[in-house]
C-alpha atoms as a PDB file:
ATOM      1  CA  UNK A   1      -0.088  -0.017  -0.107  1.00  0.00           C
ATOM      2  CA  UNK A   2       1.020   3.305  -1.111  1.00  0.00           C
ATOM      3  CA  UNK A   3       1.915   5.790   2.218  1.00  0.00           C
ATOM      4  CA  UNK A   4       1.569   9.434   1.047  1.00  0.00           C
ATOM      5  CA  UNK A   5       4.107  12.188   1.954  1.00  0.00           C
ATOM      6  CA  UNK A   6       2.915  14.937   4.605  1.00  0.00           C
ATOM      7  CA  UNK A   7       2.271  17.204   1.833  1.00  0.00           C
ATOM      8  CA  UNK A   8       1.000  14.634  -1.196  1.00  0.00           C
ATOM      9  CA  UNK A   9      -2.767  14.163  -1.715  1.00  0.00           C
ATOM     10  CA  UNK A  10      -4.210  11.279  -3.663  1.00  0.00           C
ATOM     11  CA  UNK A  11      -5.636  12.306  -7.235  1.00  0.00           C
ATOM     12  CA  UNK A  12      -7.282   9.359  -8.617  1.00  0.00           C
ATOM     13  CA  UNK A  13      -6.749   5.482  -8.029  1.00  0.00           C
ATOM     14  CA  UNK A  14      -7.839   2.618 -10.173  1.00  0.00           C
ATOM     15  CA  UNK A  15     -10.697   0.389  -8.880  1.00  0.00           C
ATOM     16  CA  UNK A  16      -8.632  -2.470  -7.967  1.00  0.00           C
ATOM     17  CA  UNK A  17      -6.045  -0.113  -5.930  1.00  0.00           C
ATOM     18  CA  UNK A  18      -3.265  -0.966  -8.688  1.00  0.00           C
ATOM     19  CA  UNK A  19      -2.610   2.429 -10.286  1.00  0.00           C
ATOM     20  CA  UNK A  20      -2.223   5.656  -8.066  1.00  0.00           C
ATOM     21  CA  UNK A  21      -1.724   8.950  -9.184  1.00  0.00           C
ATOM     22  CA  UNK A  22      -1.116  11.701  -6.529  1.00  0.00           C
ATOM     23  CA  UNK A  23      -0.157  15.230  -6.562  1.00  0.00           C
ATOM     24  CA  UNK A  24       3.658  14.009  -6.208  1.00  0.00           C
ATOM     25  CA  UNK A  25       4.097  10.644  -8.082  1.00  0.00           C
ATOM     26  CA  UNK A  26       2.355   7.827 -10.113  1.00  0.00           C
ATOM     27  CA  UNK A  27       2.955   4.148  -8.618  1.00  0.00           C
ATOM     28  CA  UNK A  28       1.607   0.750  -9.912  1.00  0.00           C
ATOM     29  CA  UNK A  29       1.476  -2.522  -8.047  1.00  0.00           C
ATOM     30  CA  UNK A  30       0.869  -5.674 -10.189  1.00  0.00           C
ATOM     31  CA  UNK A  31       0.042  -9.207  -8.574  1.00  0.00           C
ATOM     32  CA  UNK A  32      -0.241 -12.152 -11.055  1.00  0.00           C
ATOM     33  CA  UNK A  33       0.632 -15.793 -11.762  1.00  0.00           C
ATOM     34  CA  UNK A  34       3.359 -16.125  -9.005  1.00  0.00           C
ATOM     35  CA  UNK A  35       4.541 -12.565 -10.071  1.00  0.00           C
ATOM     36  CA  UNK A  36       4.488  -9.334  -8.452  1.00  0.00           C
ATOM     37  CA  UNK A  37       6.115  -6.016  -8.664  1.00  0.00           C
ATOM     38  CA  UNK A  38       5.495  -2.215  -7.403  1.00  0.00           C
ATOM     39  CA  UNK A  39       6.895   0.667  -9.706  1.00  0.00           C
ATOM     40  CA  UNK A  40       6.895   4.257  -8.578  1.00  0.00           C
ATOM     41  CA  UNK A  41       7.769   7.374 -10.662  1.00  0.00           C
ATOM     42  CA  UNK A  42       8.054  11.051  -9.505  1.00  0.00           C
ATOM     43  CA  UNK A  43       5.825  13.237 -11.781  1.00  0.00           C
ATOM     44  CA  UNK A  44       8.494  15.447 -12.209  1.00  0.00           C
ATOM     45  CA  UNK A  45      10.737  12.684 -13.913  1.00  0.00           C
ATOM     46  CA  UNK A  46       8.166  11.526 -16.527  1.00  0.00           C
ATOM     47  CA  UNK A  47       9.395  11.706 -19.727  1.00  0.00           C
ATOM     48  CA  UNK A  48       6.432  10.516 -21.867  1.00  0.00           C
ATOM     49  CA  UNK A  49       3.024   8.911 -21.567  1.00  0.00           C
ATOM     50  CA  UNK A  50       1.898   6.677 -24.535  1.00  0.00           C
ATOM     51  CA  UNK A  51      -1.070   4.278 -25.526  1.00  0.00           C
ATOM     52  CA  UNK A  52       0.161   1.176 -27.088  1.00  0.00           C
ATOM     53  CA  UNK A  53      -2.232  -1.299 -28.684  1.00  0.00           C
ATOM     54  CA  UNK A  54      -0.738  -4.532 -29.894  1.00  0.00           C
ATOM     55  CA  UNK A  55      -2.588  -7.333 -31.822  1.00  0.00           C
ATOM     56  CA  UNK A  56      -1.588  -9.961 -34.506  1.00  0.00           C
ATOM     57  CA  UNK A  57      -3.758  -9.350 -37.603  1.00  0.00           C
ATOM     58  CA  UNK A  58      -1.804 -12.050 -39.579  1.00  0.00           C
ATOM     59  CA  UNK A  59      -3.425 -14.752 -37.139  1.00  0.00           C
ATOM     60  CA  UNK A  60      -7.011 -13.503 -38.279  1.00  0.00           C
ATOM     61  CA  UNK A  61      -5.758 -13.805 -41.641  1.00  0.00           C
ATOM     62  CA  UNK A  62      -4.292 -17.437 -41.460  1.00  0.00           C
ATOM     63  CA  UNK A  63      -7.654 -18.277 -39.489  1.00  0.00           C
ATOM     64  CA  UNK A  64      -9.851 -16.606 -42.310  1.00  0.00           C
ATOM     65  CA  UNK A  65      -7.512 -18.872 -45.035  1.00  0.00           C
ATOM     66  CA  UNK A  66      -7.997 -21.673 -42.858  1.00  0.00           C
ATOM     67  CA  UNK A  67     -11.923 -21.375 -42.810  1.00  0.00           C
ATOM     68  CA  UNK A  68     -12.324 -20.676 -46.793  1.00  0.00           C
ATOM     69  CA  UNK A  69     -10.184 -23.827 -47.288  1.00  0.00           C
ATOM     70  CA  UNK A  70     -11.840 -25.806 -45.005  1.00  0.00           C
ATOM     71  CA  UNK A  71     -15.130 -24.893 -47.010  1.00  0.00           C
ATOM     72  CA  UNK A  72     -13.535 -25.349 -50.170  1.00  0.00           C
ATOM     73  CA  UNK A  73     -12.763 -29.271 -49.129  1.00  0.00           C
ATOM     74  CA  UNK A  74     -16.496 -29.259 -47.754  1.00  0.00           C
ATOM     75  CA  UNK A  75     -17.884 -28.079 -51.221  1.00  0.00           C
ATOM     76  CA  UNK A  76     -15.416 -31.247 -52.571  1.00  0.00           C
ATOM     77  CA  UNK A  77     -16.599 -33.795 -49.981  1.00  0.00           C
ATOM     78  CA  UNK A  78     -13.704 -33.462 -47.647  1.00  0.00           C
ATOM     79  CA  UNK A  79     -15.321 -33.588 -44.616  1.00  0.00           C
ATOM     80  CA  UNK A  80     -12.258 -34.420 -42.384  1.00  0.00           C
ATOM     81  CA  UNK A  81     -10.463 -31.475 -44.196  1.00  0.00           C
ATOM     82  CA  UNK A  82     -13.194 -29.145 -43.293  1.00  0.00           C
ATOM     83  CA  UNK A  83     -13.579 -30.288 -39.612  1.00  0.00           C
ATOM     84  CA  UNK A  84      -9.362 -29.795 -39.323  1.00  0.00           C
ATOM     85  CA  UNK A  85      -9.372 -26.616 -41.153  1.00  0.00           C
ATOM     86  CA  UNK A  86     -12.284 -25.073 -39.038  1.00  0.00           C
ATOM     87  CA  UNK A  87     -10.649 -26.122 -35.913  1.00  0.00           C
ATOM     88  CA  UNK A  88      -7.424 -24.819 -36.665  1.00  0.00           C
ATOM     89  CA  UNK A  89      -9.527 -21.436 -37.954  1.00  0.00           C
ATOM     90  CA  UNK A  90     -11.190 -21.601 -34.612  1.00  0.00           C
ATOM     91  CA  UNK A  91      -8.036 -21.928 -32.588  1.00  0.00           C
ATOM     92  CA  UNK A  92      -6.054 -19.120 -34.542  1.00  0.00           C
ATOM     93  CA  UNK A  93      -9.191 -16.879 -34.258  1.00  0.00           C
ATOM     94  CA  UNK A  94      -9.222 -17.792 -30.386  1.00  0.00           C
ATOM     95  CA  UNK A  95      -5.182 -17.189 -29.800  1.00  0.00           C
ATOM     96  CA  UNK A  96      -5.592 -13.807 -31.576  1.00  0.00           C
ATOM     97  CA  UNK A  97      -8.234 -12.971 -29.138  1.00  0.00           C
ATOM     98  CA  UNK A  98      -6.398 -13.924 -26.198  1.00  0.00           C
ATOM     99  CA  UNK A  99      -2.929 -12.166 -27.163  1.00  0.00           C
ATOM    100  CA  UNK A 100      -4.454  -8.810 -27.952  1.00  0.00           C
ATOM    101  CA  UNK A 101      -3.036  -6.100 -25.373  1.00  0.00           C
ATOM    102  CA  UNK A 102      -3.637  -2.360 -24.683  1.00  0.00           C
ATOM    103  CA  UNK A 103      -1.266  -0.662 -22.397  1.00  0.00           C
ATOM    104  CA  UNK A 104      -0.199   2.607 -21.098  1.00  0.00           C
ATOM    105  CA  UNK A 105       3.660   3.027 -21.082  1.00  0.00           C
ATOM    106  CA  UNK A 106       4.457   5.839 -18.461  1.00  0.00           C
ATOM    107  CA  UNK A 107       8.456   6.608 -18.993  1.00  0.00           C
ATOM    108  CA  UNK A 108      11.129   8.555 -17.121  1.00  0.00           C
ATOM    109  CA  UNK A 109      15.043   8.449 -17.809  1.00  0.00           C
ATOM    110  CA  UNK A 110      15.275   5.235 -15.590  1.00  0.00           C
ATOM    111  CA  UNK A 111      12.262   3.052 -16.272  1.00  0.00           C
ATOM    112  CA  UNK A 112       9.066   2.449 -17.999  1.00  0.00           C
ATOM    113  CA  UNK A 113       5.878   1.910 -16.338  1.00  0.00           C
ATOM    114  CA  UNK A 114       3.401  -0.403 -18.150  1.00  0.00           C
ATOM    115  CA  UNK A 115      -0.113  -0.295 -17.199  1.00  0.00           C
ATOM    116  CA  UNK A 116      -2.556  -2.715 -18.591  1.00  0.00           C
ATOM    117  CA  UNK A 117      -5.688  -0.984 -19.804  1.00  0.00           C
ATOM    118  CA  UNK A 118      -7.304  -3.865 -21.707  1.00  0.00           C
ATOM    119  CA  UNK A 119     -10.844  -3.458 -20.684  1.00  0.00           C
ATOM    120  CA  UNK A 120     -10.866   0.209 -20.728  1.00  0.00           C
ATOM    121  CA  UNK A 121     -12.758   2.351 -23.469  1.00  0.00           C
ATOM    122  CA  UNK A 122     -10.140   4.670 -25.590  1.00  0.00           C
ATOM    123  CA  UNK A 123     -11.775   7.961 -23.901  1.00  0.00           C
ATOM    124  CA  UNK A 124     -10.848   6.620 -20.354  1.00  0.00           C
ATOM    125  CA  UNK A 125      -7.590   5.640 -21.331  1.00  0.00           C
ATOM    126  CA  UNK A 126      -6.787   9.432 -22.991  1.00  0.00           C
ATOM    127  CA  UNK A 127      -8.787  11.007 -19.862  1.00  0.00           C
ATOM    128  CA  UNK A 128      -6.267   8.918 -17.612  1.00  0.00           C
ATOM    129  CA  UNK A 129      -3.315  10.357 -19.623  1.00  0.00           C
ATOM    130  CA  UNK A 130      -4.355  13.808 -19.545  1.00  0.00           C
ATOM    131  CA  UNK A 131      -4.307  13.601 -15.725  1.00  0.00           C
ATOM    132  CA  UNK A 132      -1.057  12.218 -15.335  1.00  0.00           C
ATOM    133  CA  UNK A 133      -0.028  15.515 -17.947  1.00  0.00           C
ATOM    134  CA  UNK A 134      -1.862  17.431 -15.945  1.00  0.00           C
ATOM    135  CA  UNK A 135      -0.702  16.241 -12.477  1.00  0.00           C
ATOM    136  CA  UNK A 136       2.909  16.674 -13.845  1.00  0.00           C
ATOM    137  CA  UNK A 137       2.801  20.225 -14.989  1.00  0.00           C
ATOM    138  CA  UNK A 138       0.967  21.134 -11.618  1.00  0.00           C
ATOM    139  CA  UNK A 139       3.791  19.549  -9.737  1.00  0.00           C
ATOM    140  CA  UNK A 140       6.644  21.368 -11.732  1.00  0.00           C
ATOM    141  CA  UNK A 141       4.945  24.264 -11.431  1.00  0.00           C
ATOM    142  CA  UNK A 142       4.787  24.252  -7.656  1.00  0.00           C
ATOM    143  CA  UNK A 143       8.643  22.939  -7.632  1.00  0.00           C
ATOM    144  CA  UNK A 144       9.646  25.948 -10.083  1.00  0.00           C
ATOM    145  CA  UNK A 145       7.882  28.336  -7.361  1.00  0.00           C
ATOM    146  CA  UNK A 146       9.695  27.013  -4.291  1.00  0.00           C
ATOM    147  CA  UNK A 147      12.548  28.781  -3.031  1.00  0.00           C
ATOM    148  CA  UNK A 148      16.009  27.043  -3.141  1.00  0.00           C
ATOM    149  CA  UNK A 149      17.184  25.561  -0.094  1.00  0.00           C
ATOM    150  CA  UNK A 150      20.736  25.322   0.669  1.00  0.00           C
ATOM    151  CA  UNK A 151      21.811  23.229   3.553  1.00  0.00           C
END
């Protein structure tokens, strides 16, 4: 659990509590299949925010080719070939569906934070990125307005 600094305030948090944006930093905590990790980036160190969507369209094309081949085989009384081609096409479509990914990547000079946003709508993802950038802007302004203290 993220402990706030005395002058830090919570701005927003994901519903599962895995991603936290505060007035000073963004923190991410993931636990999945025997792995867990925590990352935190101070807002003034963020160099970029991006949204990356990846899918393997070639799997869809290959699945479509298998399905068409199976239909051609079925038209020529090749019921075994149709069954095998249909099963292969279905497998390829399923692999495509399971391997799609949508992440927000927040980078700093020393690390990259990858936040999974697979189930979020595009508008919500862009709203989140805007919130991070606005919080960074406010943080930099607040740091530039503080007097330099030499110890």
